[in-house]
Amino acid sequence: MRHSRWMALGGIGIAATLALAGCGGSGFDDGPAASGEPTDAGGLTSSDDALTIMIGSSGDAETTAVKDAVAAWSEESGVDAEVVAATDLTQQLSQGFAGGNPPDLFYLATELLAGYADNGSVIAYGDMLENKDDFYPSLVQNFTYNDQFYCAPKDFSTLQLIINKNLWDQAGLTDADVPTDWDSLAAAAKKLTSGDTTGLVFSGEYQRVGAFMAEAGGRLVSEDGTSAVADSQENIDALTYVKEHLADGTFAYAADVGAGWGGEAFGKQLGAMTIEGNWITGALGDYPDVDPLVVELPAGPAGKGTLQFTNCWGMAADSPNQQAALDLVEYLTSADQQLAFSKAFGPMPSVQSAADQWTTDNPDLAAFLAGADYAQGVPTNDGVSDVFTDFNAQLATLKDGDPATILQSVQSNLEAIVG
């Protein structure tokens, strides 16, 4: 199911980082040129070796689309290439690196970049991409570490507000009531709360609640990644707002209404509104009676704000054929190919040149792409996955907890890994 993709990939942080940490550098005495020798100014290896591409797939549609695209590139380039849909991306990547035989290319989540970069498991090839200037700047920033652009963002999504149009109409709400700020969001949620339906239901985790923090002007880590700023007044204000409406019953966490995530609560009409990414569109196929309306999240005290999620094409430092891998990445991230991926399994293209066509093809989802102009990426500091885990456990108690106390704990945890 599409909603689990970010969390599934994000969860590889602890295990993969620990496994890779023992490798030291790229981990092997022969170095990245063991089978291929650097042949250009960028130091990329080149050989006749076939490529292996490992993905963490959301399902058959994604696997088939990637395999077809790679097969087309392989036929055109003459380079053999195999796509492996990992059953456990964490374990299989770790085994590949530890055994000296990692995939040449693989899905890499933002919060794992620092760990892979620090131990030399991946190379920074971003500035070698011919299409590097086409990627959204915020996505480039997500994959920039120590001032190096490491890898090409393969797609992305932002969080926005999804409204059940039927329940909206039944509550007597109109287009004029679509929330534009926190007050109008609270008012709409109150009107939509009735019986077994809560006005706004979302997952009780930073990866959703963090949108309110962004709207208040807060973040967990400074934009340059060098300072922990979790205990700011802006973040306290955001969690206080969420707490207030969890307490009055107009907001709820998905788990508290018997749903696994916001999309399930929305589909089952346990929530009249939810906060999710564009992956919800695939899941809603299971709920044909639900008529969704996607709008931008309402502005907070600091204006518009949201979170964005993305993965890149990580390139192994030990790949013997990095030059071919670079060519394949450029092919896979071209506007035409990303638009084909979008039609096949739903992601938003990471390149700006595809924006107009994507919006034309997906007018009902335009709000997700609009968020690219102001979206905030999740922190990428090494070890941040552990911080998320602890923060999410504390957010589960927010309804009866103290926002300042929770954020002070997060601040302390972040200070241990930042800087």
Protein backbone atom coordinates (compact mmCIF):
# COMPACT_ATOMS: atom_id res chain seq x y z
CA MET A 1 0.00 0.00 0.00
CA ARG A 2 1.46 3.35 -1.01
CA HIS A 3 1.11 5.05 2.36
CA SER A 4 3.67 2.77 3.94
CA ARG A 5 6.48 3.50 1.52
CA TRP A 6 8.09 6.46 3.30
CA MET A 7 7.81 4.78 6.67
CA ALA A 8 9.09 1.46 5.37
CA LEU A 9 12.13 3.05 3.79
CA GLY A 10 12.59 5.45 6.67
CA GLY A 11 12.71 2.54 9.06
CA ILE A 12 15.90 1.16 7.58
CA GLY A 13 17.95 3.79 9.39
CA ILE A 14 19.00 2.01 12.56
CA ALA A 15 19.73 -1.43 11.19
CA ALA A 16 21.36 -0.29 7.99
CA THR A 17 23.42 2.40 9.65
CA LEU A 18 24.73 0.00 12.27
CA ALA A 19 25.57 -2.60 9.67
CA LEU A 20 27.30 -0.12 7.41
CA ALA A 21 29.14 1.59 10.24
CA GLY A 22 31.31 -1.48 10.63
CA CYS A 23 32.41 -1.31 7.03
CA GLY A 24 34.77 1.65 7.38
CA GLY A 25 35.14 3.83 4.29
CA SER A 26 33.61 1.99 1.41
CA GLY A 27 34.47 -1.05 3.45
CA PHE A 28 36.83 -3.03 1.24
CA ASP A 29 40.54 -2.92 0.53
CA ASP A 30 40.16 -3.16 -3.23
CA GLY A 31 38.14 0.09 -3.37
CA PRO A 32 35.54 1.06 -5.91
CA ALA A 33 37.78 0.41 -8.89
CA ALA A 34 38.22 -3.30 -8.13
CA SER A 35 36.32 -4.32 -11.27
CA GLY A 36 36.21 -1.00 -13.09
CA GLU A 37 38.71 1.82 -13.39
CA PRO A 38 37.96 5.55 -13.10
CA THR A 39 37.73 6.86 -16.64
CA ASP A 40 36.65 10.50 -16.34
CA ALA A 41 37.34 13.66 -14.41
CA GLY A 42 34.62 12.78 -11.96
CA GLY A 43 36.39 9.58 -11.01
CA LEU A 44 33.52 7.31 -12.01
CA THR A 45 34.33 3.69 -12.66
CA SER A 46 33.53 2.14 -16.01
CA SER A 47 33.49 -1.51 -17.07
CA ASP A 48 31.50 -4.10 -18.96
CA ASP A 49 29.79 -5.25 -15.78
CA ALA A 50 26.00 -5.45 -15.67
CA LEU A 51 24.07 -3.18 -13.30
CA THR A 52 21.91 -4.27 -10.39
CA ILE A 53 19.18 -1.90 -9.26
CA MET A 54 17.50 -2.58 -5.90
CA ILE A 55 14.15 -0.97 -5.10
CA GLY A 56 11.75 -0.97 -2.18
CA SER A 57 8.58 -1.31 -4.18
CA SER A 58 5.08 -0.23 -3.20
CA GLY A 59 3.60 -3.08 -5.23
CA ASP A 60 3.38 -4.79 -8.60
CA ALA A 61 2.63 -1.60 -10.52
CA GLU A 62 5.83 0.09 -9.35
CA THR A 63 7.97 -3.02 -9.84
CA THR A 64 6.69 -3.52 -13.37
CA ALA A 65 7.13 0.15 -14.29
CA VAL A 66 10.73 0.28 -13.06
CA LYS A 67 11.61 -3.03 -14.71
CA ASP A 68 10.14 -1.88 -18.02
CA ALA A 69 12.00 1.44 -17.89
CA VAL A 70 15.32 -0.20 -17.05
CA ALA A 71 14.80 -2.80 -19.79
CA ALA A 72 14.19 -0.03 -22.34
CA TRP A 73 17.37 1.78 -21.23
CA SER A 74 19.32 -1.49 -21.30
CA GLU A 75 18.27 -2.22 -24.87
CA GLU A 76 19.20 1.30 -25.93
CA SER A 77 22.53 1.43 -24.10
CA GLY A 78 23.66 -2.15 -24.57
CA VAL A 79 24.35 -2.47 -20.84
CA ASP A 80 22.76 -5.43 -19.09
CA ALA A 81 20.73 -4.42 -16.03
CA GLU A 82 18.60 -6.26 -13.50
CA VAL A 83 15.98 -4.81 -11.16
CA VAL A 84 15.59 -6.48 -7.78
CA ALA A 85 12.46 -5.69 -5.78
CA ALA A 86 13.71 -6.19 -2.25
CA THR A 87 11.55 -8.14 0.16
CA ASP A 88 13.49 -6.50 3.00
CA LEU A 89 15.45 -3.53 1.69
CA THR A 90 17.16 -3.01 5.04
CA GLN A 91 18.55 -6.48 5.26
CA GLN A 92 19.41 -6.92 1.61
CA LEU A 93 21.26 -3.61 1.34
CA SER A 94 23.15 -4.32 4.55
CA GLN A 95 24.13 -7.77 3.34
CA GLY A 96 25.25 -6.37 -0.01
CA PHE A 97 27.49 -3.73 1.53
CA ALA A 98 28.88 -6.05 4.20
CA GLY A 99 29.64 -8.72 1.60
CA GLY A 100 31.32 -6.34 -0.83
CA ASN A 101 28.62 -6.79 -3.47
CA PRO A 102 26.11 -3.95 -3.07
CA PRO A 103 23.63 -3.05 -5.80
CA ASP A 104 24.92 -0.38 -8.15
CA LEU A 105 21.82 1.77 -7.63
CA PHE A 106 19.18 1.65 -4.92
CA TYR A 107 16.40 3.63 -3.27
CA LEU A 108 17.92 5.83 -0.55
CA ALA A 109 15.83 7.74 2.01
CA THR A 110 16.80 11.23 3.14
CA GLU A 111 17.39 10.29 6.76
CA LEU A 112 19.88 7.60 5.76
CA LEU A 113 22.08 9.74 3.55
CA ALA A 114 24.43 11.00 6.26
CA GLY A 115 25.20 7.52 7.58
CA TYR A 116 25.90 6.10 4.13
CA ALA A 117 27.97 9.14 3.16
CA ASP A 118 30.03 9.20 6.35
CA ASN A 119 31.20 5.62 5.97
CA GLY A 120 31.91 5.99 2.27
CA SER A 121 29.27 3.55 1.07
CA VAL A 122 27.83 5.96 -1.50
CA ILE A 123 29.36 8.52 -3.82
CA ALA A 124 28.26 12.09 -4.46
CA TYR A 125 27.38 12.19 -8.14
CA GLY A 126 24.66 14.86 -8.13
CA ASP A 127 26.76 17.60 -9.70
CA MET A 128 27.62 15.26 -12.60
CA LEU A 129 23.97 14.97 -13.67
CA GLU A 130 23.14 16.78 -16.90
CA ASN A 131 19.65 17.48 -15.51
CA LYS A 132 20.83 18.61 -12.06
CA ASP A 133 19.33 22.10 -12.48
CA ASP A 134 15.90 20.65 -13.28
CA PHE A 135 15.30 19.17 -9.82
CA TYR A 136 13.29 21.18 -7.31
CA PRO A 137 15.80 23.09 -5.14
CA SER A 138 14.22 21.79 -1.93
CA LEU A 139 14.78 18.22 -3.12
CA VAL A 140 18.39 18.95 -3.99
CA GLN A 141 18.79 20.32 -0.47
CA ASN A 142 17.33 17.10 0.94
CA PHE A 143 20.15 15.15 -0.66
CA THR A 144 22.97 17.60 -0.06
CA TYR A 145 25.33 16.64 2.73
CA ASN A 146 28.55 18.42 3.69
CA ASP A 147 27.92 20.76 0.74
CA GLN A 148 27.85 17.87 -1.74
CA PHE A 149 24.81 16.97 -3.84
CA TYR A 150 24.87 13.22 -3.48
CA CYS A 151 22.07 11.69 -5.51
CA ALA A 152 19.17 12.35 -7.86
CA PRO A 153 15.72 12.65 -6.20
CA LYS A 154 13.58 10.04 -7.90
CA ASP A 155 10.15 11.49 -7.03
CA PHE A 156 8.41 13.14 -4.08
CA SER A 157 5.20 14.05 -2.33
CA THR A 158 3.99 16.77 -0.01
CA LEU A 159 1.32 16.54 2.67
CA GLN A 160 -1.97 18.29 2.01
CA LEU A 161 -5.55 18.26 3.29
CA ILE A 162 -7.99 15.73 1.86
CA ILE A 163 -11.71 16.36 2.39
CA ASN A 164 -14.58 13.88 2.07
CA LYS A 165 -16.78 15.90 -0.27
CA ASN A 166 -19.96 13.97 0.52
CA LEU A 167 -19.61 14.49 4.26
CA TRP A 168 -18.66 18.11 3.63
CA ASP A 169 -21.87 18.73 1.70
CA GLN A 170 -23.98 16.87 4.25
CA ALA A 171 -22.61 19.15 6.97
CA GLY A 172 -23.82 22.19 5.01
CA LEU A 173 -20.29 23.36 4.22
CA THR A 174 -19.46 25.09 0.93
CA ASP A 175 -16.40 26.10 -1.05
CA ALA A 176 -16.28 29.26 1.06
CA ASP A 177 -15.65 27.09 4.13
CA VAL A 178 -12.53 25.37 2.78
CA PRO A 179 -9.98 26.01 5.57
CA THR A 180 -7.44 28.73 4.92
CA ASP A 181 -6.09 29.12 8.47
CA TRP A 182 -6.10 27.28 11.78
CA ASP A 183 -9.32 28.89 12.97
CA SER A 184 -11.26 27.85 9.90
CA LEU A 185 -9.75 24.35 10.04
CA ALA A 186 -10.98 24.01 13.61
CA ALA A 187 -14.42 25.34 12.65
CA ALA A 188 -14.74 22.88 9.75
CA ALA A 189 -13.53 19.97 11.89
CA LYS A 190 -16.14 20.80 14.52
CA LYS A 191 -18.97 20.86 11.95
CA LEU A 192 -17.80 17.57 10.45
CA THR A 193 -17.56 15.73 13.78
CA SER A 194 -20.69 13.64 14.15
CA GLY A 195 -21.40 10.15 15.44
CA ASP A 196 -18.53 7.82 14.54
CA THR A 197 -16.92 10.43 12.28
CA THR A 198 -14.24 12.79 13.62
CA GLY A 199 -13.62 16.01 11.73
CA LEU A 200 -9.88 15.57 11.12
CA VAL A 201 -8.02 12.29 11.54
CA PHE A 202 -4.31 11.80 10.85
CA SER A 203 -1.45 9.57 11.98
CA GLY A 204 -0.04 10.49 15.37
CA GLU A 205 3.57 10.92 14.28
CA TYR A 206 6.01 13.69 13.48
CA GLN A 207 5.70 12.82 9.78
CA ARG A 208 2.13 14.23 9.90
CA VAL A 209 2.00 16.44 13.01
CA GLY A 210 5.15 18.13 11.73
CA ALA A 211 3.06 19.90 9.10
CA PHE A 212 1.52 22.02 11.87
CA MET A 213 5.02 22.81 13.12
CA ALA A 214 6.00 24.02 9.66
CA GLU A 215 2.86 26.16 9.45
CA ALA A 216 3.77 27.78 12.75
CA GLY A 217 7.26 28.56 11.46
CA GLY A 218 8.96 25.78 13.39
CA ARG A 219 11.21 22.88 12.48
CA LEU A 220 13.23 20.26 14.32
CA VAL A 221 16.65 21.20 12.96
CA SER A 222 17.85 24.49 11.49
CA GLU A 223 17.72 24.73 7.73
CA ASP A 224 21.49 24.23 7.44
CA GLY A 225 21.25 21.13 9.64
CA THR A 226 23.69 22.39 12.26
CA SER A 227 21.43 23.27 15.20
CA ALA A 228 18.58 21.59 17.08
CA VAL A 229 15.60 23.95 17.32
CA ALA A 230 12.86 21.55 18.44
CA ASP A 231 11.95 23.39 21.64
CA SER A 232 11.07 26.67 19.89
CA GLN A 233 7.96 28.63 20.78
CA GLU A 234 6.68 28.03 17.24
CA ASN A 235 6.73 24.27 17.78
CA ILE A 236 5.14 24.64 21.21
CA ASP A 237 2.34 26.68 19.63
CA ALA A 238 1.81 24.00 16.97
CA LEU A 239 1.58 21.11 19.40
CA THR A 240 -0.63 23.18 21.71
CA TYR A 241 -3.08 23.73 18.84
CA VAL A 242 -3.14 20.02 17.97
CA LYS A 243 -3.51 19.08 21.66
CA GLU A 244 -6.46 21.45 22.09
CA HIS A 245 -8.42 19.81 19.29
CA LEU A 246 -7.45 16.26 20.20
CA ALA A 247 -8.88 17.09 23.61
CA ASP A 248 -12.14 18.58 22.31
CA GLY A 249 -12.70 15.57 20.05
CA THR A 250 -12.68 17.33 16.67
CA PHE A 251 -9.20 15.98 15.79
CA ALA A 252 -8.09 12.39 16.37
CA TYR A 253 -5.17 10.12 15.66
CA ALA A 254 -5.90 7.27 13.26
CA ALA A 255 -4.97 4.66 15.86
CA ASP A 256 -7.50 6.14 18.27
CA VAL A 257 -10.37 5.59 15.84
CA GLY A 258 -9.33 2.06 14.97
CA ALA A 259 -7.45 2.77 11.74
CA GLY A 260 -3.89 1.99 10.73
CA TRP A 261 -3.27 5.37 9.10
CA GLY A 262 -5.08 8.51 8.00
CA GLY A 263 -5.99 7.12 4.60
CA GLU A 264 -7.76 4.13 6.10
CA ALA A 265 -9.66 6.34 8.53
CA PHE A 266 -10.65 8.59 5.65
CA GLY A 267 -11.71 5.70 3.43
CA LYS A 268 -13.83 4.17 6.20
CA GLN A 269 -15.32 7.61 6.91
CA LEU A 270 -14.04 7.54 10.46
CA GLY A 271 -12.48 10.87 9.59
CA ALA A 272 -14.08 13.48 7.35
CA MET A 273 -10.68 15.04 6.60
CA THR A 274 -7.12 13.77 6.75
CA ILE A 275 -3.56 14.94 6.19
CA GLU A 276 -1.69 12.72 3.74
CA GLY A 277 0.49 12.63 0.65
CA ASN A 278 -0.52 11.82 -2.90
CA TRP A 279 -0.01 8.10 -2.26
CA ILE A 280 -3.50 8.16 -0.73
CA THR A 281 -4.99 8.16 -4.22
CA GLY A 282 -4.07 4.53 -4.81
CA ALA A 283 -5.41 3.41 -1.45
CA LEU A 284 -8.74 5.13 -2.00
CA GLY A 285 -9.43 2.75 -4.85
CA ASP A 286 -10.64 0.43 -2.10
CA TYR A 287 -13.30 2.98 -1.14
CA PRO A 288 -15.19 3.87 -4.35
CA ASP A 289 -18.00 5.60 -2.46
CA VAL A 290 -15.65 8.23 -1.04
CA ASP A 291 -15.34 11.44 -3.08
CA PRO A 292 -12.04 13.11 -2.11
CA LEU A 293 -11.22 16.78 -2.54
CA VAL A 294 -7.54 17.69 -2.22
CA VAL A 295 -6.75 21.23 -1.08
CA GLU A 296 -3.65 22.89 0.31
CA LEU A 297 -3.21 22.72 4.04
CA PRO A 298 -4.44 25.87 5.77
CA ALA A 299 -1.83 28.47 6.64
CA GLY A 300 -0.62 28.70 10.19
CA PRO A 301 0.73 31.68 12.12
CA ALA A 302 3.78 31.78 9.84
CA GLY A 303 1.90 31.18 6.59
CA LYS A 304 1.72 28.12 4.39
CA GLY A 305 3.70 25.10 5.45
CA THR A 306 3.93 21.37 4.88
CA LEU A 307 6.37 18.47 4.88
CA GLN A 308 7.75 16.71 1.84
CA PHE A 309 9.02 13.17 1.46
CA THR A 310 11.39 11.85 -1.13
CA ASN A 311 13.94 9.17 -1.96
CA CYS A 312 16.91 9.31 -4.28
CA TRP A 313 18.85 6.91 -6.46
CA GLY A 314 21.80 6.05 -4.24
CA MET A 315 24.95 4.95 -6.08
CA ALA A 316 27.35 2.51 -4.43
CA ALA A 317 30.96 3.59 -4.04
CA ASP A 318 31.93 0.00 -4.87
CA SER A 319 30.00 -0.16 -8.13
CA PRO A 320 32.37 -1.17 -10.94
CA ASN A 321 30.26 0.59 -13.58
CA GLN A 322 29.29 3.98 -12.16
CA GLN A 323 29.38 5.70 -15.54
CA ALA A 324 26.58 3.46 -16.83
CA ALA A 325 24.72 3.88 -13.54
CA LEU A 326 24.86 7.67 -13.96
CA ASP A 327 23.46 7.37 -17.48
CA LEU A 328 20.63 5.18 -16.19
CA VAL A 329 19.78 7.67 -13.43
CA GLU A 330 19.54 10.47 -15.99
CA TYR A 331 17.20 8.30 -18.04
CA LEU A 332 15.01 7.37 -15.07
CA THR A 333 14.75 10.97 -13.85
CA SER A 334 13.97 12.53 -17.22
CA ALA A 335 10.65 14.36 -17.43
CA ASP A 336 9.13 11.85 -19.85
CA GLN A 337 10.09 8.83 -17.77
CA GLN A 338 8.94 10.35 -14.51
CA LEU A 339 5.59 11.22 -16.08
CA ALA A 340 5.31 7.59 -17.19
CA PHE A 341 6.06 6.47 -13.63
CA SER A 342 3.40 8.87 -12.37
CA LYS A 343 0.77 7.31 -14.62
CA ALA A 344 1.87 3.81 -13.63
CA PHE A 345 2.00 4.11 -9.85
CA GLY A 346 1.35 7.68 -8.74
CA PRO A 347 4.53 9.54 -7.67
CA MET A 348 5.08 13.23 -8.45
CA PRO A 349 8.04 13.98 -10.73
CA SER A 350 11.08 15.48 -9.02
CA VAL A 351 11.94 17.66 -12.03
CA GLN A 352 10.39 21.05 -12.65
CA SER A 353 10.13 20.55 -16.40
CA ALA A 354 7.42 17.92 -15.81
CA ALA A 355 5.27 20.15 -13.60
CA ASP A 356 2.91 21.61 -16.20
CA GLN A 357 2.19 18.26 -17.83
CA TRP A 358 1.73 16.54 -14.47
CA THR A 359 -0.75 19.22 -13.38
CA THR A 360 -2.62 18.88 -16.67
CA ASP A 361 -2.77 15.11 -16.22
CA ASN A 362 -3.73 15.34 -12.53
CA PRO A 363 -5.78 18.51 -12.01
CA ASP A 364 -7.49 17.13 -8.89
CA LEU A 365 -4.09 16.60 -7.25
CA ALA A 366 -2.56 19.99 -8.09
CA ALA A 367 -2.43 20.99 -4.42
CA PHE A 368 0.25 18.38 -3.76
CA LEU A 369 2.55 19.93 -6.35
CA ALA A 370 1.77 23.45 -5.20
CA GLY A 371 3.33 22.49 -1.88
CA ALA A 372 6.73 22.12 -3.53
CA ASP A 373 7.15 25.89 -3.31
CA TYR A 374 7.07 25.94 0.48
CA ALA A 375 7.53 22.36 1.70
CA GLN A 376 10.00 21.54 4.44
CA GLY A 377 12.07 18.38 4.23
CA VAL A 378 12.50 16.12 7.23
CA PRO A 379 15.91 16.33 8.96
CA THR A 380 18.68 14.24 7.43
CA ASN A 381 21.19 14.14 10.29
CA ASP A 382 22.75 10.76 11.01
CA GLY A 383 20.81 9.08 13.81
CA VAL A 384 17.63 11.10 13.33
CA SER A 385 15.55 7.95 12.82
CA ASP A 386 16.01 7.14 16.50
CA VAL A 387 14.87 10.65 17.40
CA PHE A 388 11.74 10.23 15.27
CA THR A 389 10.94 6.95 17.01
CA ASP A 390 11.12 8.53 20.45
CA PHE A 391 9.26 11.68 19.35
CA ASN A 392 6.44 9.63 17.86
CA ALA A 393 6.08 7.65 21.07
CA GLN A 394 5.68 10.92 22.97
CA LEU A 395 3.26 12.37 20.42
CA ALA A 396 1.00 9.43 21.14
CA THR A 397 0.47 10.97 24.60
CA LEU A 398 -0.01 14.56 23.37
CA LYS A 399 -3.72 14.70 24.20
CA ASP A 400 -2.88 14.48 27.90
CA GLY A 401 0.75 15.60 27.72
CA ASP A 402 2.67 18.86 27.86
CA PRO A 403 3.95 20.15 24.50
CA ALA A 404 6.90 22.00 26.04
CA THR A 405 8.05 18.94 27.97
CA ILE A 406 7.79 16.72 24.91
CA LEU A 407 9.78 19.16 22.79
CA GLN A 408 12.45 19.61 25.44
CA SER A 409 13.03 15.87 25.30
CA VAL A 410 13.24 15.96 21.50
CA GLN A 411 15.64 18.91 21.73
CA SER A 412 17.95 16.95 24.02
CA ASN A 413 17.89 13.92 21.72
CA LEU A 414 18.64 16.07 18.68
CA GLU A 415 21.50 17.90 20.37
CA ALA A 416 23.19 14.53 20.81
CA ILE A 417 23.37 14.00 17.04
CA VAL A 418 23.45 17.49 15.53
CA GLY A 419 26.56 19.57 15.11
